[in-house]
Amino acid sequence: MRVRYMACGVLLGAGLLLSAVCRADENLLGYVAGAEVIPQGGWELYNITTMRNDKDAGSYRAFDNEIELEYGVSNRFNVFGGISLLSVDTSGLSIDGYLPGNEDVGPDLSGVELGAKLNLLRPAADDFGLSLRFGLDYSWLDRHSGEDKDTASFEVDLIGQKYFLDGQLVWVGNLGLESTYADRAPIDDLPEGFDWPTDPEMEIEIKTGMGLSYRFVPNWYVGAETIYETEFETEVGQERWSVFAGPSLHYGSARWWATLTYFPQIKGGGEVYIDQTSDLHLIEKTKEEVRLKIGVNF
């Protein structure tokens, strides 16, 4: 498994080897997006690695790696596309419908994404920034277990941004809605009594978040962000909710930028699994996440 983690690190670090000649939008925070767009004719390459860790019982660790390329069609409209890779390493844990048992998979190619971002108000010129982001994702691996699962999602986000203290302090806020169709593939030799539904499901997720980022020395920002998510599923109604919050550290230069975020789950609720002792939501989420984002402008 060490080799697989090293492979994720190589993919993550590859962005640092690329060069650029101009500076575009930076992601000051790890999870809450800003309203800025890259200028017409500009390109930006992102590498986003997220570690999801600890489901209370047993051992659980997963890595999501996203590689995304964005292009400025105009000064207000960007398009982007990307691929995703997934690694899952878990033992001593079984959750009906999500984790059949011990897994050690990846990194494997797991999905693709297409989308666009439309800027309605510019944060600097219009005093308050406002953008719409649209995304269409298709994946063929279950992000919880690495098993075969076809998932198609459409997401729309409303993104706000406000500068204070001549840009030294930045506020961002997001409100999103995601609709998902999911269809699990059958698994042979499941444990006796284990529930693995293979009927297609429809899910609706609502997400809201906000954050602040402060430039304390040139090129360096420290920030804090929080996200609330809740999901409604076909048969059970509200299936889960969770609140994550944590600090971010950002560095930006003329050639590249990087953001590191520690994101623990603060509160959660909804369905629980049999061996769970914590009152957080740990079926689809984990106790903590760590995300590293690297962007290169050219």
Protein backbone atom coordinates (compact mmCIF):
# COMPACT_ATOMS: atom_id res chain seq x y z
CA MET A 1 0.00 0.00 0.00
CA ARG A 2 2.99 2.31 0.54
CA VAL A 3 3.69 2.16 -3.19
CA ARG A 4 0.16 3.30 -3.92
CA TYR A 5 0.40 6.23 -1.51
CA MET A 6 3.71 7.17 -3.11
CA ALA A 7 2.02 7.10 -6.52
CA CYS A 8 -0.60 9.55 -5.25
CA GLY A 9 2.18 11.77 -3.98
CA VAL A 10 3.92 11.70 -7.35
CA LEU A 11 0.71 12.80 -9.07
CA LEU A 12 0.25 15.54 -6.50
CA GLY A 13 3.80 16.78 -6.86
CA ALA A 14 3.75 16.81 -10.64
CA GLY A 15 2.03 20.20 -10.61
CA LEU A 16 5.12 21.69 -9.00
CA LEU A 17 7.23 20.76 -12.01
CA LEU A 18 5.18 22.81 -14.43
CA SER A 19 5.90 26.48 -15.12
CA ALA A 20 3.71 29.46 -15.94
CA VAL A 21 4.06 33.08 -16.97
CA CYS A 22 1.08 34.79 -15.36
CA ARG A 23 -0.89 34.71 -12.13
CA ALA A 24 -4.58 33.80 -12.15
CA ASP A 25 -7.20 32.96 -9.52
CA GLU A 26 -5.96 31.21 -6.37
CA ASN A 27 -7.94 28.87 -4.10
CA LEU A 28 -7.30 30.49 -0.73
CA LEU A 29 -9.26 27.74 1.05
CA GLY A 30 -9.42 24.00 0.58
CA TYR A 31 -13.17 23.36 0.41
CA VAL A 32 -15.07 26.65 0.08
CA ALA A 33 -14.60 28.14 -3.41
CA GLY A 34 -14.11 31.78 -4.42
CA ALA A 35 -15.97 33.74 -7.10
CA GLU A 36 -12.92 34.78 -9.14
CA VAL A 37 -12.37 33.31 -12.63
CA ILE A 38 -9.20 33.03 -14.69
CA PRO A 39 -8.84 35.61 -17.50
CA GLN A 40 -9.67 35.03 -21.16
CA GLY A 41 -7.16 32.73 -22.82
CA GLY A 42 -5.66 31.64 -19.47
CA TRP A 43 -5.17 28.06 -18.34
CA GLU A 44 -4.96 26.63 -14.84
CA LEU A 45 -3.96 23.10 -13.81
CA TYR A 46 -5.12 21.80 -10.44
CA ASN A 47 -4.03 18.76 -8.46
CA ILE A 48 -6.24 18.08 -5.43
CA THR A 49 -5.43 15.25 -3.03
CA THR A 50 -7.79 14.49 -0.14
CA MET A 51 -7.15 11.96 2.61
CA ARG A 52 -10.30 10.68 4.36
CA ASN A 53 -9.43 9.00 7.65
CA ASP A 54 -11.11 7.06 10.51
CA LYS A 55 -14.66 5.68 10.70
CA ASP A 56 -14.49 4.94 14.43
CA ALA A 57 -14.30 1.12 14.31
CA GLY A 58 -11.52 -0.85 12.64
CA SER A 59 -9.13 0.97 10.32
CA TYR A 60 -10.17 3.14 7.38
CA ARG A 61 -8.17 5.44 5.10
CA ALA A 62 -8.96 6.59 1.57
CA PHE A 63 -7.27 8.95 -0.89
CA ASP A 64 -9.08 10.94 -3.60
CA ASN A 65 -6.85 12.49 -6.25
CA GLU A 66 -8.34 14.95 -8.77
CA ILE A 67 -6.44 16.37 -11.74
CA GLU A 68 -8.33 19.23 -13.39
CA LEU A 69 -7.62 21.64 -16.24
CA GLU A 70 -9.53 24.95 -16.54
CA TYR A 71 -9.66 27.41 -19.46
CA GLY A 72 -10.80 31.03 -19.62
CA VAL A 73 -13.22 31.27 -22.56
CA SER A 74 -13.79 34.91 -21.62
CA ASN A 75 -13.06 37.15 -18.66
CA ARG A 76 -16.32 35.96 -17.07
CA PHE A 77 -16.73 32.37 -18.30
CA ASN A 78 -14.48 29.36 -17.65
CA VAL A 79 -14.79 25.70 -18.63
CA PHE A 80 -13.00 22.78 -16.99
CA GLY A 81 -12.54 19.03 -17.16
CA GLY A 82 -10.75 16.47 -15.07
CA ILE A 83 -10.14 12.90 -13.98
CA SER A 84 -10.22 11.26 -10.54
CA LEU A 85 -8.25 8.46 -8.90
CA LEU A 86 -9.21 6.51 -5.78
CA SER A 87 -7.36 4.46 -3.15
CA VAL A 88 -9.06 2.67 -0.24
CA ASP A 89 -7.39 0.75 2.60
CA THR A 90 -9.68 -0.61 5.31
CA SER A 91 -9.73 -3.53 7.74
CA GLY A 92 -11.79 -4.72 10.68
CA LEU A 93 -14.85 -2.79 9.51
CA SER A 94 -18.10 -3.80 7.79
CA ILE A 95 -20.99 -1.44 6.99
CA ASP A 96 -24.16 -2.64 5.24
CA GLY A 97 -24.50 -1.09 1.79
CA TYR A 98 -21.09 0.59 1.93
CA LEU A 99 -18.19 -1.61 3.10
CA PRO A 100 -18.40 -5.39 2.56
CA GLY A 101 -15.19 -5.96 4.55
CA ASN A 102 -11.44 -5.55 4.26
CA GLU A 103 -10.35 -3.63 1.14
CA ASP A 104 -6.94 -2.69 -0.27
CA VAL A 105 -7.40 -1.09 -3.70
CA GLY A 106 -5.94 1.65 -5.85
CA PRO A 107 -4.89 4.10 -6.86
CA ASP A 108 -7.31 3.37 -9.71
CA LEU A 109 -8.89 5.68 -12.25
CA SER A 110 -12.37 6.23 -10.84
CA GLY A 111 -14.20 9.04 -12.68
CA VAL A 112 -14.36 12.04 -15.00
CA GLU A 113 -15.75 15.56 -14.63
CA LEU A 114 -16.88 18.39 -16.92
CA GLY A 115 -18.12 21.81 -15.87
CA ALA A 116 -18.24 25.58 -16.22
CA LYS A 117 -18.04 28.69 -14.04
CA LEU A 118 -19.88 31.92 -14.89
CA ASN A 119 -18.94 35.16 -13.14
CA LEU A 120 -21.87 37.54 -12.60
CA LEU A 121 -20.23 40.15 -10.34
CA ARG A 122 -16.48 40.75 -9.95
CA PRO A 123 -15.25 40.82 -6.34
CA ALA A 124 -12.94 43.82 -6.84
CA ALA A 125 -14.67 45.92 -9.51
CA ASP A 126 -18.26 45.37 -8.28
CA ASP A 127 -17.45 45.40 -4.54
CA PHE A 128 -19.09 41.96 -4.12
CA GLY A 129 -18.30 38.89 -6.22
CA LEU A 130 -20.91 36.41 -7.40
CA SER A 131 -20.47 33.35 -9.64
CA LEU A 132 -22.37 30.23 -10.69
CA ARG A 133 -20.58 26.91 -11.05
CA PHE A 134 -22.01 23.89 -12.88
CA GLY A 135 -20.49 20.41 -12.76
CA LEU A 136 -21.30 17.00 -14.25
CA ASP A 137 -19.48 13.99 -12.77
CA TYR A 138 -19.47 10.33 -13.74
CA SER A 139 -17.67 7.68 -11.68
CA TRP A 140 -17.52 3.89 -11.85
CA LEU A 141 -15.98 3.08 -8.45
CA ASP A 142 -17.67 3.46 -5.06
CA ARG A 143 -15.72 6.11 -3.14
CA HIS A 144 -16.34 4.28 0.16
CA SER A 145 -15.18 0.77 -0.76
CA GLY A 146 -13.65 0.91 -4.24
CA GLU A 147 -16.22 -1.63 -5.48
CA ASP A 148 -17.92 -1.22 -8.88
CA LYS A 149 -20.66 1.41 -8.75
CA ASP A 150 -21.95 3.69 -11.52
CA THR A 151 -22.68 7.20 -10.25
CA ALA A 152 -23.79 10.25 -12.24
CA SER A 153 -24.09 13.63 -10.49
CA PHE A 154 -25.08 17.13 -11.53
CA GLU A 155 -24.16 20.01 -9.22
CA VAL A 156 -24.85 23.74 -9.24
CA ASP A 157 -23.21 26.15 -6.79
CA LEU A 158 -23.81 29.81 -6.00
CA ILE A 159 -20.51 31.39 -4.94
CA GLY A 160 -20.06 34.72 -3.15
CA GLN A 161 -16.86 36.60 -2.34
CA LYS A 162 -16.04 39.86 -0.55
CA TYR A 163 -12.73 41.70 -0.04
CA PHE A 164 -11.95 43.63 3.15
CA LEU A 165 -8.92 45.69 4.23
CA ASP A 166 -7.87 46.31 0.61
CA GLY A 167 -7.87 42.60 -0.11
CA GLN A 168 -5.91 41.53 2.95
CA LEU A 169 -8.99 39.77 4.36
CA VAL A 170 -11.22 37.68 2.06
CA TRP A 171 -14.67 36.24 2.83
CA VAL A 172 -16.21 33.50 0.67
CA GLY A 173 -19.57 31.74 0.88
CA ASN A 174 -21.08 28.83 -1.07
CA LEU A 175 -24.55 27.35 -1.50
CA GLY A 176 -24.86 24.17 -3.57
CA LEU A 177 -27.36 21.56 -4.74
CA GLU A 178 -26.34 18.17 -6.13
CA SER A 179 -28.52 15.48 -7.70
CA THR A 180 -27.10 11.95 -7.97
CA TYR A 181 -28.09 8.68 -9.66
CA ALA A 182 -26.26 5.63 -8.28
CA ASP A 183 -26.33 1.96 -9.29
CA ARG A 184 -24.22 -0.64 -7.43
CA ALA A 185 -22.92 -3.73 -9.23
CA PRO A 186 -23.54 -7.13 -7.58
CA ILE A 187 -20.71 -8.61 -5.50
CA ASP A 188 -20.01 -12.34 -5.30
CA ASP A 189 -19.37 -14.14 -1.99
CA LEU A 190 -20.71 -11.43 0.30
CA PRO A 191 -20.64 -12.15 4.06
CA GLU A 192 -23.76 -13.93 5.29
CA GLY A 193 -26.54 -11.45 6.04
CA PHE A 194 -24.68 -8.51 4.51
CA ASP A 195 -26.98 -5.99 2.78
CA TRP A 196 -25.68 -4.72 -0.60
CA PRO A 197 -28.65 -3.14 -2.49
CA THR A 198 -28.40 -3.29 -6.29
CA ASP A 199 -31.52 -1.27 -7.10
CA PRO A 200 -30.74 2.20 -8.55
CA GLU A 201 -30.97 5.11 -6.11
CA MET A 202 -31.65 8.82 -6.45
CA GLU A 203 -30.12 11.25 -3.95
CA ILE A 204 -30.29 15.01 -3.40
CA GLU A 205 -27.56 16.79 -1.44
CA ILE A 206 -27.68 20.35 -0.11
CA LYS A 207 -24.42 22.00 0.89
CA THR A 208 -23.57 25.37 2.37
CA GLY A 209 -20.22 26.72 3.53
CA MET A 210 -18.26 29.83 4.31
CA GLY A 211 -14.72 30.85 5.17
CA LEU A 212 -12.28 33.67 5.89
CA SER A 213 -8.69 34.00 4.72
CA TYR A 214 -6.20 36.59 5.99
CA ARG A 215 -2.87 37.59 4.41
CA PHE A 216 -0.46 37.85 7.35
CA VAL A 217 2.74 38.31 5.30
CA PRO A 218 3.27 38.71 1.54
CA ASN A 219 2.11 35.59 -0.37
CA TRP A 220 0.94 33.79 2.77
CA TYR A 221 -2.66 33.45 4.01
CA VAL A 222 -4.13 31.74 7.05
CA GLY A 223 -7.82 30.86 7.00
CA ALA A 224 -10.72 28.97 8.53
CA GLU A 225 -13.70 27.37 6.80
CA THR A 226 -16.76 25.28 7.55
CA ILE A 227 -19.24 23.23 5.50
CA TYR A 228 -22.67 21.81 6.35
CA GLU A 229 -23.98 18.98 4.16
CA THR A 230 -27.21 17.01 4.23
CA GLU A 231 -28.46 14.28 1.90
CA PHE A 232 -31.94 12.98 1.08
CA GLU A 233 -32.28 9.48 -0.41
CA THR A 234 -35.07 7.72 -2.33
CA GLU A 235 -36.57 5.59 0.45
CA VAL A 236 -35.30 6.94 3.78
CA GLY A 237 -35.74 10.71 3.42
CA GLN A 238 -32.95 12.62 5.19
CA GLU A 239 -30.18 10.03 5.31
CA ARG A 240 -27.35 12.05 6.84
CA TRP A 241 -25.99 15.45 7.84
CA SER A 242 -22.57 16.65 8.91
CA VAL A 243 -20.59 19.75 9.82
CA PHE A 244 -16.87 19.98 9.08
CA ALA A 245 -14.67 22.91 10.11
CA GLY A 246 -10.96 23.57 10.22
CA PRO A 247 -7.95 25.76 9.40
CA SER A 248 -6.22 26.37 6.05
CA LEU A 249 -2.77 27.61 5.12
CA HIS A 250 -2.20 29.10 1.65
CA TYR A 251 0.91 30.17 -0.26
CA GLY A 252 0.73 31.91 -3.65
CA SER A 253 3.48 33.04 -6.04
CA ALA A 254 3.45 34.33 -9.61
CA ARG A 255 3.97 30.81 -10.94
CA TRP A 256 1.98 28.51 -8.64
CA TRP A 257 0.02 28.27 -5.41
CA ALA A 258 -0.77 25.65 -2.76
CA THR A 259 -3.39 25.29 -0.02
CA LEU A 260 -3.32 22.83 2.88
CA THR A 261 -6.49 22.22 4.94
CA TYR A 262 -7.19 20.10 8.01
CA PHE A 263 -10.93 19.39 8.14
CA PRO A 264 -12.33 17.39 11.10
CA GLN A 265 -16.01 16.51 11.48
CA ILE A 266 -17.47 18.63 14.30
CA LYS A 267 -21.05 17.35 14.35
CA GLY A 268 -23.06 14.81 12.42
CA GLY A 269 -26.22 12.76 12.42
CA GLY A 270 -28.45 10.37 10.51
CA GLU A 271 -27.95 6.66 10.01
CA VAL A 272 -25.29 4.82 12.05
CA TYR A 273 -23.73 1.39 11.63
CA ILE A 274 -23.86 -1.44 14.19
CA ASP A 275 -20.40 -1.08 15.76
CA GLN A 276 -20.32 2.73 15.78
CA THR A 277 -19.67 4.36 19.14
CA SER A 278 -19.27 8.02 18.09
CA ASP A 279 -22.31 10.26 17.54
CA LEU A 280 -20.84 11.67 14.29
CA HIS A 281 -21.99 10.58 10.84
CA LEU A 282 -19.44 7.92 9.87
CA ILE A 283 -21.16 5.79 7.24
CA GLU A 284 -20.48 8.06 4.26
CA LYS A 285 -18.11 10.44 6.05
CA THR A 286 -14.99 10.05 8.21
CA LYS A 287 -13.82 11.70 11.41
CA GLU A 288 -11.32 13.88 9.56
CA GLU A 289 -10.06 14.93 6.16
CA VAL A 290 -6.79 16.50 5.04
CA ARG A 291 -6.61 18.22 1.64
CA LEU A 292 -3.68 19.58 -0.36
CA LYS A 293 -4.46 21.65 -3.47
CA ILE A 294 -1.79 22.78 -5.95
CA GLY A 295 -2.52 25.11 -8.84
CA VAL A 296 -0.33 26.18 -11.77
CA ASN A 297 -1.28 29.13 -14.01
CA PHE A 298 -0.15 29.45 -17.61
